């Protein structure tokens, strides 16, 4: 359940980049450990 929800959150964030950002560059950064996940979707 957790993996599916994390996947959908990041997919939605990337969808927003495509639809709304008008960006020239975007980034997806993810760090996974057995105890913690940190993910960022960033655009200019």
ModelCIF file with pLDDT and N, C-alpha, C, O atoms, coordinates in Angstrom:
data_MODEL
#
_entry.id   MODEL 
#
_entity.id                         1 
_entity.type                       polymer 
_entity.pdbx_number_of_molecules   1 
#
_entity_poly.entity_id                      1 
_entity_poly.type                           'polypeptide(L)' 
_entity_poly.nstd_linkage                   no 
_entity_poly.nstd_monomer                   no 
_entity_poly.pdbx_seq_one_letter_code       
;(UNK)(UNK)(UNK)(UNK)(UNK)(UNK)(UNK)(UNK)(UNK)(UNK)(UNK)(UNK)(UNK)(UNK)(UNK)(UNK)
(UNK)(UNK)(UNK)(UNK)(UNK)(UNK)(UNK)(UNK)(UNK)(UNK)(UNK)(UNK)(UNK)(UNK)(UNK)(UNK)
(UNK)(UNK)(UNK)(UNK)(UNK)(UNK)(UNK)(UNK)(UNK)(UNK)(UNK)(UNK)
;
_entity_poly.pdbx_seq_one_letter_code_can   XXXXXXXXXXXXXXXXXXXXXXXXXXXXXXXXXXXXXXXXXXXX 
_entity_poly.pdbx_strand_id                 A 
#
loop_
_entity_poly_seq.entity_id 
_entity_poly_seq.num 
_entity_poly_seq.mon_id 
_entity_poly_seq.hetero 
1 1  UNK n 
1 2  UNK n 
1 3  UNK n 
1 4  UNK n 
1 5  UNK n 
1 6  UNK n 
1 7  UNK n 
1 8  UNK n 
1 9  UNK n 
1 10 UNK n 
1 11 UNK n 
1 12 UNK n 
1 13 UNK n 
1 14 UNK n 
1 15 UNK n 
1 16 UNK n 
1 17 UNK n 
1 18 UNK n 
1 19 UNK n 
1 20 UNK n 
1 21 UNK n 
1 22 UNK n 
1 23 UNK n 
1 24 UNK n 
1 25 UNK n 
1 26 UNK n 
1 27 UNK n 
1 28 UNK n 
1 29 UNK n 
1 30 UNK n 
1 31 UNK n 
1 32 UNK n 
1 33 UNK n 
1 34 UNK n 
1 35 UNK n 
1 36 UNK n 
1 37 UNK n 
1 38 UNK n 
1 39 UNK n 
1 40 UNK n 
1 41 UNK n 
1 42 UNK n 
1 43 UNK n 
1 44 UNK n 
#
_struct_asym.id          A 
_struct_asym.entity_id   1 
#
loop_
_ma_qa_metric.id 
_ma_qa_metric.mode 
_ma_qa_metric.name 
_ma_qa_metric.software_group_id 
_ma_qa_metric.type 
1 global pLDDT . pLDDT 
2 local  pLDDT . pLDDT 
#
_ma_qa_metric_global.metric_id      1 
_ma_qa_metric_global.metric_value   91.27 
_ma_qa_metric_global.model_id       1 
_ma_qa_metric_global.ordinal_id     1 
#
loop_
_ma_qa_metric_local.label_asym_id 
_ma_qa_metric_local.label_comp_id 
_ma_qa_metric_local.label_seq_id 
_ma_qa_metric_local.metric_id 
_ma_qa_metric_local.metric_value 
_ma_qa_metric_local.model_id 
_ma_qa_metric_local.ordinal_id 
A UNK 1  2 80.00 1 1  
A UNK 2  2 88.00 1 2  
A UNK 3  2 88.00 1 3  
A UNK 4  2 84.00 1 4  
A UNK 5  2 88.00 1 5  
A UNK 6  2 91.00 1 6  
A UNK 7  2 89.00 1 7  
A UNK 8  2 87.00 1 8  
A UNK 9  2 91.00 1 9  
A UNK 10 2 92.00 1 10 
A UNK 11 2 88.00 1 11 
A UNK 12 2 88.00 1 12 
A UNK 13 2 92.00 1 13 
A UNK 14 2 91.00 1 14 
A UNK 15 2 86.00 1 15 
A UNK 16 2 88.00 1 16 
A UNK 17 2 91.00 1 17 
A UNK 18 2 86.00 1 18 
A UNK 19 2 83.00 1 19 
A UNK 20 2 86.00 1 20 
A UNK 21 2 89.00 1 21 
A UNK 22 2 91.00 1 22 
A UNK 23 2 93.00 1 23 
A UNK 24 2 93.00 1 24 
A UNK 25 2 94.00 1 25 
A UNK 26 2 95.00 1 26 
A UNK 27 2 95.00 1 27 
A UNK 28 2 95.00 1 28 
A UNK 29 2 96.00 1 29 
A UNK 30 2 95.00 1 30 
A UNK 31 2 95.00 1 31 
A UNK 32 2 94.00 1 32 
A UNK 33 2 93.00 1 33 
A UNK 34 2 91.00 1 34 
A UNK 35 2 92.00 1 35 
A UNK 36 2 94.00 1 36 
A UNK 37 2 95.00 1 37 
A UNK 38 2 96.00 1 38 
A UNK 39 2 96.00 1 39 
A UNK 40 2 96.00 1 40 
A UNK 41 2 96.00 1 41 
A UNK 42 2 96.00 1 42 
A UNK 43 2 95.00 1 43 
A UNK 44 2 94.00 1 44 
#
loop_
_atom_site.group_PDB 
_atom_site.id 
_atom_site.type_symbol 
_atom_site.label_atom_id 
_atom_site.label_alt_id 
_atom_site.label_comp_id 
_atom_site.label_asym_id 
_atom_site.label_entity_id 
_atom_site.label_seq_id 
_atom_site.pdbx_PDB_ins_code 
_atom_site.Cartn_x 
_atom_site.Cartn_y 
_atom_site.Cartn_z 
_atom_site.occupancy 
_atom_site.B_iso_or_equiv 
_atom_site.pdbx_formal_charge 
_atom_site.auth_seq_id 
_atom_site.auth_comp_id 
_atom_site.auth_asym_id 
_atom_site.auth_atom_id 
_atom_site.pdbx_PDB_model_num 
ATOM 1   N N  . UNK A 1 1  ? 0.836  -1.206 0.000   1.00 80.00 ? 1  UNK A N  1 
ATOM 2   C CA . UNK A 1 1  ? 0.000  0.000  0.000   1.00 80.00 ? 1  UNK A CA 1 
ATOM 3   C C  . UNK A 1 1  ? 0.865  1.247  0.000   1.00 80.00 ? 1  UNK A C  1 
ATOM 4   O O  . UNK A 1 1  ? 0.597  2.188  -0.746  1.00 80.00 ? 1  UNK A O  1 
ATOM 5   N N  . UNK A 1 2  ? 1.901  1.263  0.830   1.00 88.00 ? 2  UNK A N  1 
ATOM 6   C CA . UNK A 1 2  ? 2.787  2.428  0.924   1.00 88.00 ? 2  UNK A CA 1 
ATOM 7   C C  . UNK A 1 2  ? 3.500  2.668  -0.397  1.00 88.00 ? 2  UNK A C  1 
ATOM 8   O O  . UNK A 1 2  ? 3.554  3.802  -0.873  1.00 88.00 ? 2  UNK A O  1 
ATOM 9   N N  . UNK A 1 3  ? 4.046  1.620  -0.993  1.00 88.00 ? 3  UNK A N  1 
ATOM 10  C CA . UNK A 1 3  ? 4.771  1.789  -2.255  1.00 88.00 ? 3  UNK A CA 1 
ATOM 11  C C  . UNK A 1 3  ? 3.849  2.295  -3.361  1.00 88.00 ? 3  UNK A C  1 
ATOM 12  O O  . UNK A 1 3  ? 4.245  3.142  -4.162  1.00 88.00 ? 3  UNK A O  1 
ATOM 13  N N  . UNK A 1 4  ? 2.623  1.779  -3.406  1.00 84.00 ? 4  UNK A N  1 
ATOM 14  C CA . UNK A 1 4  ? 1.684  2.221  -4.427  1.00 84.00 ? 4  UNK A CA 1 
ATOM 15  C C  . UNK A 1 4  ? 1.348  3.696  -4.247  1.00 84.00 ? 4  UNK A C  1 
ATOM 16  O O  . UNK A 1 4  ? 1.312  4.442  -5.226  1.00 84.00 ? 4  UNK A O  1 
ATOM 17  N N  . UNK A 1 5  ? 1.101  4.127  -3.014  1.00 88.00 ? 5  UNK A N  1 
ATOM 18  C CA . UNK A 1 5  ? 0.746  5.527  -2.778  1.00 88.00 ? 5  UNK A CA 1 
ATOM 19  C C  . UNK A 1 5  ? 1.918  6.458  -3.081  1.00 88.00 ? 5  UNK A C  1 
ATOM 20  O O  . UNK A 1 5  ? 1.725  7.522  -3.669  1.00 88.00 ? 5  UNK A O  1 
ATOM 21  N N  . UNK A 1 6  ? 3.127  6.068  -2.687  1.00 91.00 ? 6  UNK A N  1 
ATOM 22  C CA . UNK A 1 6  ? 4.298  6.895  -2.996  1.00 91.00 ? 6  UNK A CA 1 
ATOM 23  C C  . UNK A 1 6  ? 4.487  7.020  -4.504  1.00 91.00 ? 6  UNK A C  1 
ATOM 24  O O  . UNK A 1 6  ? 4.802  8.098  -5.009  1.00 91.00 ? 6  UNK A O  1 
ATOM 25  N N  . UNK A 1 7  ? 4.296  5.923  -5.214  1.00 89.00 ? 7  UNK A N  1 
ATOM 26  C CA . UNK A 1 7  ? 4.415  5.952  -6.670  1.00 89.00 ? 7  UNK A CA 1 
ATOM 27  C C  . UNK A 1 7  ? 3.400  6.905  -7.277  1.00 89.00 ? 7  UNK A C  1 
ATOM 28  O O  . UNK A 1 7  ? 3.749  7.717  -8.134  1.00 89.00 ? 7  UNK A O  1 
ATOM 29  N N  . UNK A 1 8  ? 2.134  6.815  -6.840  1.00 87.00 ? 8  UNK A N  1 
ATOM 30  C CA . UNK A 1 8  ? 1.086  7.673  -7.398  1.00 87.00 ? 8  UNK A CA 1 
ATOM 31  C C  . UNK A 1 8  ? 1.325  9.151  -7.071  1.00 87.00 ? 8  UNK A C  1 
ATOM 32  O O  . UNK A 1 8  ? 1.030  10.017 -7.894  1.00 87.00 ? 8  UNK A O  1 
ATOM 33  N N  . UNK A 1 9  ? 1.847  9.445  -5.896  1.00 91.00 ? 9  UNK A N  1 
ATOM 34  C CA . UNK A 1 9  ? 2.135  10.843 -5.523  1.00 91.00 ? 9  UNK A CA 1 
ATOM 35  C C  . UNK A 1 9  ? 3.167  11.432 -6.469  1.00 91.00 ? 9  UNK A C  1 
ATOM 36  O O  . UNK A 1 9  ? 2.986  12.539 -6.976  1.00 91.00 ? 9  UNK A O  1 
ATOM 37  N N  . UNK A 1 10 ? 4.239  10.706 -6.708  1.00 92.00 ? 10 UNK A N  1 
ATOM 38  C CA . UNK A 1 10 ? 5.299  11.210 -7.579  1.00 92.00 ? 10 UNK A CA 1 
ATOM 39  C C  . UNK A 1 10 ? 4.841  11.251 -9.034  1.00 92.00 ? 10 UNK A C  1 
ATOM 40  O O  . UNK A 1 10 ? 5.248  12.140 -9.783  1.00 92.00 ? 10 UNK A O  1 
ATOM 41  N N  . UNK A 1 11 ? 4.007  10.310 -9.441  1.00 88.00 ? 11 UNK A N  1 
ATOM 42  C CA . UNK A 1 11 ? 3.447  10.372 -10.791 1.00 88.00 ? 11 UNK A CA 1 
ATOM 43  C C  . UNK A 1 11 ? 2.594  11.624 -10.961 1.00 88.00 ? 11 UNK A C  1 
ATOM 44  O O  . UNK A 1 11 ? 2.677  12.293 -11.991 1.00 88.00 ? 11 UNK A O  1 
ATOM 45  N N  . UNK A 1 12 ? 1.777  11.946 -9.963  1.00 88.00 ? 12 UNK A N  1 
ATOM 46  C CA . UNK A 1 12 ? 0.932  13.144 -10.033 1.00 88.00 ? 12 UNK A CA 1 
ATOM 47  C C  . UNK A 1 12 ? 1.785  14.405 -10.071 1.00 88.00 ? 12 UNK A C  1 
ATOM 48  O O  . UNK A 1 12 ? 1.468  15.353 -10.790 1.00 88.00 ? 12 UNK A O  1 
ATOM 49  N N  . UNK A 1 13 ? 2.873  14.416 -9.292  1.00 92.00 ? 13 UNK A N  1 
ATOM 50  C CA . UNK A 1 13 ? 3.754  15.580 -9.294  1.00 92.00 ? 13 UNK A CA 1 
ATOM 51  C C  . UNK A 1 13 ? 4.384  15.796 -10.670 1.00 92.00 ? 13 UNK A C  1 
ATOM 52  O O  . UNK A 1 13 ? 4.487  16.930 -11.139 1.00 92.00 ? 13 UNK A O  1 
ATOM 53  N N  . UNK A 1 14 ? 4.802  14.713 -11.310 1.00 91.00 ? 14 UNK A N  1 
ATOM 54  C CA . UNK A 1 14 ? 5.369  14.832 -12.657 1.00 91.00 ? 14 UNK A CA 1 
ATOM 55  C C  . UNK A 1 14 ? 4.297  15.219 -13.679 1.00 91.00 ? 14 UNK A C  1 
ATOM 56  O O  . UNK A 1 14 ? 4.576  15.946 -14.633 1.00 91.00 ? 14 UNK A O  1 
ATOM 57  N N  . UNK A 1 15 ? 3.075  14.732 -13.475 1.00 86.00 ? 15 UNK A N  1 
ATOM 58  C CA . UNK A 1 15 ? 1.984  15.124 -14.362 1.00 86.00 ? 15 UNK A CA 1 
ATOM 59  C C  . UNK A 1 15 ? 1.742  16.633 -14.280 1.00 86.00 ? 15 UNK A C  1 
ATOM 60  O O  . UNK A 1 15 ? 1.483  17.274 -15.298 1.00 86.00 ? 15 UNK A O  1 
ATOM 61  N N  . UNK A 1 16 ? 1.825  17.192 -13.094 1.00 88.00 ? 16 UNK A N  1 
ATOM 62  C CA . UNK A 1 16 ? 1.653  18.635 -12.925 1.00 88.00 ? 16 UNK A CA 1 
ATOM 63  C C  . UNK A 1 16 ? 2.749  19.411 -13.636 1.00 88.00 ? 16 UNK A C  1 
ATOM 64  O O  . UNK A 1 16 ? 2.495  20.474 -14.202 1.00 88.00 ? 16 UNK A O  1 
ATOM 65  N N  . UNK A 1 17 ? 3.978  18.876 -13.607 1.00 91.00 ? 17 UNK A N  1 
ATOM 66  C CA . UNK A 1 17 ? 5.072  19.527 -14.323 1.00 91.00 ? 17 UNK A CA 1 
ATOM 67  C C  . UNK A 1 17 ? 4.739  19.629 -15.807 1.00 91.00 ? 17 UNK A C  1 
ATOM 68  O O  . UNK A 1 17 ? 4.904  20.680 -16.425 1.00 91.00 ? 17 UNK A O  1 
ATOM 69  N N  . UNK A 1 18 ? 4.264  18.510 -16.367 1.00 86.00 ? 18 UNK A N  1 
ATOM 70  C CA . UNK A 1 18 ? 3.948  18.510 -17.800 1.00 86.00 ? 18 UNK A CA 1 
ATOM 71  C C  . UNK A 1 18 ? 2.801  19.442 -18.136 1.00 86.00 ? 18 UNK A C  1 
ATOM 72  O O  . UNK A 1 18 ? 2.860  20.170 -19.126 1.00 86.00 ? 18 UNK A O  1 
ATOM 73  N N  . UNK A 1 19 ? 1.749  19.426 -17.312 1.00 83.00 ? 19 UNK A N  1 
ATOM 74  C CA . UNK A 1 19 ? 0.524  20.152 -17.655 1.00 83.00 ? 19 UNK A CA 1 
ATOM 75  C C  . UNK A 1 19 ? 0.582  21.641 -17.318 1.00 83.00 ? 19 UNK A C  1 
ATOM 76  O O  . UNK A 1 19 ? -0.015 22.452 -18.026 1.00 83.00 ? 19 UNK A O  1 
ATOM 77  N N  . UNK A 1 20 ? 1.274  22.008 -16.273 1.00 86.00 ? 20 UNK A N  1 
ATOM 78  C CA . UNK A 1 20 ? 1.108  23.365 -15.764 1.00 86.00 ? 20 UNK A CA 1 
ATOM 79  C C  . UNK A 1 20 ? 2.388  24.194 -15.645 1.00 86.00 ? 20 UNK A C  1 
ATOM 80  O O  . UNK A 1 20 ? 2.315  25.420 -15.570 1.00 86.00 ? 20 UNK A O  1 
ATOM 81  N N  . UNK A 1 21 ? 3.554  23.551 -15.628 1.00 89.00 ? 21 UNK A N  1 
ATOM 82  C CA . UNK A 1 21 ? 4.751  24.297 -15.219 1.00 89.00 ? 21 UNK A CA 1 
ATOM 83  C C  . UNK A 1 21 ? 5.331  25.205 -16.297 1.00 89.00 ? 21 UNK A C  1 
ATOM 84  O O  . UNK A 1 21 ? 5.900  26.249 -15.980 1.00 89.00 ? 21 UNK A O  1 
ATOM 85  N N  . UNK A 1 22 ? 5.194  24.823 -17.573 1.00 91.00 ? 22 UNK A N  1 
ATOM 86  C CA . UNK A 1 22 ? 5.877  25.529 -18.671 1.00 91.00 ? 22 UNK A CA 1 
ATOM 87  C C  . UNK A 1 22 ? 7.381  25.601 -18.396 1.00 91.00 ? 22 UNK A C  1 
ATOM 88  O O  . UNK A 1 22 ? 8.038  26.588 -18.727 1.00 91.00 ? 22 UNK A O  1 
ATOM 89  N N  . UNK A 1 23 ? 7.906  24.555 -17.793 1.00 93.00 ? 23 UNK A N  1 
ATOM 90  C CA . UNK A 1 23 ? 9.303  24.566 -17.355 1.00 93.00 ? 23 UNK A CA 1 
ATOM 91  C C  . UNK A 1 23 ? 10.255 24.258 -18.501 1.00 93.00 ? 23 UNK A C  1 
ATOM 92  O O  . UNK A 1 23 ? 9.871  23.664 -19.509 1.00 93.00 ? 23 UNK A O  1 
ATOM 93  N N  . UNK A 1 24 ? 11.510 24.677 -18.326 1.00 93.00 ? 24 UNK A N  1 
ATOM 94  C CA . UNK A 1 24 ? 12.575 24.325 -19.252 1.00 93.00 ? 24 UNK A CA 1 
ATOM 95  C C  . UNK A 1 24 ? 13.399 23.157 -18.725 1.00 93.00 ? 24 UNK A C  1 
ATOM 96  O O  . UNK A 1 24 ? 14.137 22.521 -19.477 1.00 93.00 ? 24 UNK A O  1 
ATOM 97  N N  . UNK A 1 25 ? 13.271 22.877 -17.427 1.00 94.00 ? 25 UNK A N  1 
ATOM 98  C CA . UNK A 1 25 ? 14.016 21.799 -16.817 1.00 94.00 ? 25 UNK A CA 1 
ATOM 99  C C  . UNK A 1 25 ? 13.252 21.307 -15.595 1.00 94.00 ? 25 UNK A C  1 
ATOM 100 O O  . UNK A 1 25 ? 12.641 22.096 -14.875 1.00 94.00 ? 25 UNK A O  1 
ATOM 101 N N  . UNK A 1 26 ? 13.293 19.986 -15.365 1.00 95.00 ? 26 UNK A N  1 
ATOM 102 C CA . UNK A 1 26 ? 12.654 19.391 -14.184 1.00 95.00 ? 26 UNK A CA 1 
ATOM 103 C C  . UNK A 1 26 ? 13.591 18.346 -13.598 1.00 95.00 ? 26 UNK A C  1 
ATOM 104 O O  . UNK A 1 26 ? 14.544 17.914 -14.247 1.00 95.00 ? 26 UNK A O  1 
ATOM 105 N N  . UNK A 1 27 ? 13.307 17.946 -12.363 1.00 95.00 ? 27 UNK A N  1 
ATOM 106 C CA . UNK A 1 27 ? 14.162 16.971 -11.693 1.00 95.00 ? 27 UNK A CA 1 
ATOM 107 C C  . UNK A 1 27 ? 13.325 16.081 -10.780 1.00 95.00 ? 27 UNK A C  1 
ATOM 108 O O  . UNK A 1 27 ? 12.374 16.538 -10.146 1.00 95.00 ? 27 UNK A O  1 
ATOM 109 N N  . UNK A 1 28 ? 13.695 14.807 -10.723 1.00 95.00 ? 28 UNK A N  1 
ATOM 110 C CA . UNK A 1 28 ? 13.116 13.854 -9.771  1.00 95.00 ? 28 UNK A CA 1 
ATOM 111 C C  . UNK A 1 28 ? 14.271 13.271 -8.970  1.00 95.00 ? 28 UNK A C  1 
ATOM 112 O O  . UNK A 1 28 ? 15.145 12.605 -9.525  1.00 95.00 ? 28 UNK A O  1 
ATOM 113 N N  . UNK A 1 29 ? 14.270 13.521 -7.667  1.00 96.00 ? 29 UNK A N  1 
ATOM 114 C CA . UNK A 1 29 ? 15.331 13.030 -6.788  1.00 96.00 ? 29 UNK A CA 1 
ATOM 115 C C  . UNK A 1 29 ? 14.692 12.198 -5.678  1.00 96.00 ? 29 UNK A C  1 
ATOM 116 O O  . UNK A 1 29 ? 13.779 12.654 -4.989  1.00 96.00 ? 29 UNK A O  1 
ATOM 117 N N  . UNK A 1 30 ? 15.180 10.985 -5.521  1.00 95.00 ? 30 UNK A N  1 
ATOM 118 C CA . UNK A 1 30 ? 14.611 10.069 -4.531  1.00 95.00 ? 30 UNK A CA 1 
ATOM 119 C C  . UNK A 1 30 ? 15.747 9.394  -3.771  1.00 95.00 ? 30 UNK A C  1 
ATOM 120 O O  . UNK A 1 30 ? 16.707 8.906  -4.368  1.00 95.00 ? 30 UNK A O  1 
ATOM 121 N N  . UNK A 1 31 ? 15.626 9.373  -2.446  1.00 95.00 ? 31 UNK A N  1 
ATOM 122 C CA . UNK A 1 31 ? 16.558 8.656  -1.584  1.00 95.00 ? 31 UNK A CA 1 
ATOM 123 C C  . UNK A 1 31 ? 15.774 7.656  -0.750  1.00 95.00 ? 31 UNK A C  1 
ATOM 124 O O  . UNK A 1 31 ? 14.851 8.028  -0.026  1.00 95.00 ? 31 UNK A O  1 
ATOM 125 N N  . UNK A 1 32 ? 16.146 6.383  -0.856  1.00 94.00 ? 32 UNK A N  1 
ATOM 126 C CA . UNK A 1 32 ? 15.440 5.323  -0.141  1.00 94.00 ? 32 UNK A CA 1 
ATOM 127 C C  . UNK A 1 32 ? 16.374 4.640  0.839   1.00 94.00 ? 32 UNK A C  1 
ATOM 128 O O  . UNK A 1 32 ? 17.507 4.300  0.498   1.00 94.00 ? 32 UNK A O  1 
ATOM 129 N N  . UNK A 1 33 ? 15.892 4.440  2.061   1.00 93.00 ? 33 UNK A N  1 
ATOM 130 C CA . UNK A 1 33 ? 16.558 3.611  3.054   1.00 93.00 ? 33 UNK A CA 1 
ATOM 131 C C  . UNK A 1 33 ? 15.502 2.699  3.661   1.00 93.00 ? 33 UNK A C  1 
ATOM 132 O O  . UNK A 1 33 ? 14.310 2.962  3.502   1.00 93.00 ? 33 UNK A O  1 
ATOM 133 N N  . UNK A 1 34 ? 15.900 1.641  4.346   1.00 91.00 ? 34 UNK A N  1 
ATOM 134 C CA . UNK A 1 34 ? 14.893 0.756  4.946   1.00 91.00 ? 34 UNK A CA 1 
ATOM 135 C C  . UNK A 1 34 ? 13.956 1.460  5.912   1.00 91.00 ? 34 UNK A C  1 
ATOM 136 O O  . UNK A 1 34 ? 12.851 0.976  6.155   1.00 91.00 ? 34 UNK A O  1 
ATOM 137 N N  . UNK A 1 35 ? 14.369 2.590  6.468   1.00 92.00 ? 35 UNK A N  1 
ATOM 138 C CA . UNK A 1 35 ? 13.550 3.288  7.466   1.00 92.00 ? 35 UNK A CA 1 
ATOM 139 C C  . UNK A 1 35 ? 12.908 4.579  6.955   1.00 92.00 ? 35 UNK A C  1 
ATOM 140 O O  . UNK A 1 35 ? 12.006 5.114  7.600   1.00 92.00 ? 35 UNK A O  1 
ATOM 141 N N  . UNK A 1 36 ? 13.362 5.086  5.803   1.00 94.00 ? 36 UNK A N  1 
ATOM 142 C CA . UNK A 1 36 ? 12.904 6.421  5.401   1.00 94.00 ? 36 UNK A CA 1 
ATOM 143 C C  . UNK A 1 36 ? 13.032 6.620  3.898   1.00 94.00 ? 36 UNK A C  1 
ATOM 144 O O  . UNK A 1 36 ? 13.935 6.084  3.256   1.00 94.00 ? 36 UNK A O  1 
ATOM 145 N N  . UNK A 1 37 ? 12.107 7.404  3.353   1.00 95.00 ? 37 UNK A N  1 
ATOM 146 C CA . UNK A 1 37 ? 12.161 7.824  1.952   1.00 95.00 ? 37 UNK A CA 1 
ATOM 147 C C  . UNK A 1 37 ? 11.999 9.336  1.883   1.00 95.00 ? 37 UNK A C  1 
ATOM 148 O O  . UNK A 1 37 ? 11.146 9.913  2.557   1.00 95.00 ? 37 UNK A O  1 
ATOM 149 N N  . UNK A 1 38 ? 12.821 9.961  1.069   1.00 96.00 ? 38 UNK A N  1 
ATOM 150 C CA . UNK A 1 38 ? 12.694 11.392 0.780   1.00 96.00 ? 38 UNK A CA 1 
ATOM 151 C C  . UNK A 1 38 ? 12.691 11.551 -0.737  1.00 96.00 ? 38 UNK A C  1 
ATOM 152 O O  . UNK A 1 38 ? 13.602 11.074 -1.413  1.00 96.00 ? 38 UNK A O  1 
ATOM 153 N N  . UNK A 1 39 ? 11.676 12.218 -1.271  1.00 96.00 ? 39 UNK A N  1 
ATOM 154 C CA . UNK A 1 39 ? 11.560 12.392 -2.719  1.00 96.00 ? 39 UNK A CA 1 
ATOM 155 C C  . UNK A 1 39 ? 11.194 13.840 -3.030  1.00 96.00 ? 39 UNK A C  1 
ATOM 156 O O  . UNK A 1 39 ? 10.413 14.463 -2.311  1.00 96.00 ? 39 UNK A O  1 
ATOM 157 N N  . UNK A 1 40 ? 11.764 14.360 -4.098  1.00 96.00 ? 40 UNK A N  1 
ATOM 158 C CA . UNK A 1 40 ? 11.473 15.723 -4.540  1.00 96.00 ? 40 UNK A CA 1 
ATOM 159 C C  . UNK A 1 40 ? 11.240 15.740 -6.051  1.00 96.00 ? 40 UNK A C  1 
ATOM 160 O O  . UNK A 1 40 ? 11.964 15.105 -6.818  1.00 96.00 ? 40 UNK A O  1 
ATOM 161 N N  . UNK A 1 41 ? 10.223 16.474 -6.449  1.00 96.00 ? 41 UNK A N  1 
ATOM 162 C CA . UNK A 1 41 ? 9.991  16.776 -7.857  1.00 96.00 ? 41 UNK A CA 1 
ATOM 163 C C  . UNK A 1 41 ? 10.055 18.291 -7.984  1.00 96.00 ? 41 UNK A C  1 
ATOM 164 O O  . UNK A 1 41 ? 9.265  19.012 -7.374  1.00 96.00 ? 41 UNK A O  1 
ATOM 165 N N  . UNK A 1 42 ? 10.998 18.760 -8.775  1.00 96.00 ? 42 UNK A N  1 
ATOM 166 C CA . UNK A 1 42 ? 11.257 20.203 -8.850  1.00 96.00 ? 42 UNK A CA 1 
ATOM 167 C C  . UNK A 1 42 ? 11.298 20.651 -10.308 1.00 96.00 ? 42 UNK A C  1 
ATOM 168 O O  . UNK A 1 42 ? 11.764 19.920 -11.182 1.00 96.00 ? 42 UNK A O  1 
ATOM 169 N N  . UNK A 1 43 ? 10.801 21.868 -10.557 1.00 95.00 ? 43 UNK A N  1 
ATOM 170 C CA . UNK A 1 43 ? 10.863 22.433 -11.914 1.00 95.00 ? 43 UNK A CA 1 
ATOM 171 C C  . UNK A 1 43 ? 11.178 23.916 -11.825 1.00 95.00 ? 43 UNK A C  1 
ATOM 172 O O  . UNK A 1 43 ? 11.021 24.534 -10.772 1.00 95.00 ? 43 UNK A O  1 
ATOM 173 N N  . UNK A 1 44 ? 11.629 24.490 -12.959 1.00 94.00 ? 44 UNK A N  1 
ATOM 174 C CA . UNK A 1 44 ? 11.957 25.921 -13.022 1.00 94.00 ? 44 UNK A CA 1 
ATOM 175 C C  . UNK A 1 44 ? 10.877 26.693 -13.772 1.00 94.00 ? 44 UNK A C  1 
ATOM 176 O O  . UNK A 1 44 ? 10.981 27.910 -13.925 1.00 94.00 ? 44 UNK A O  1 
#
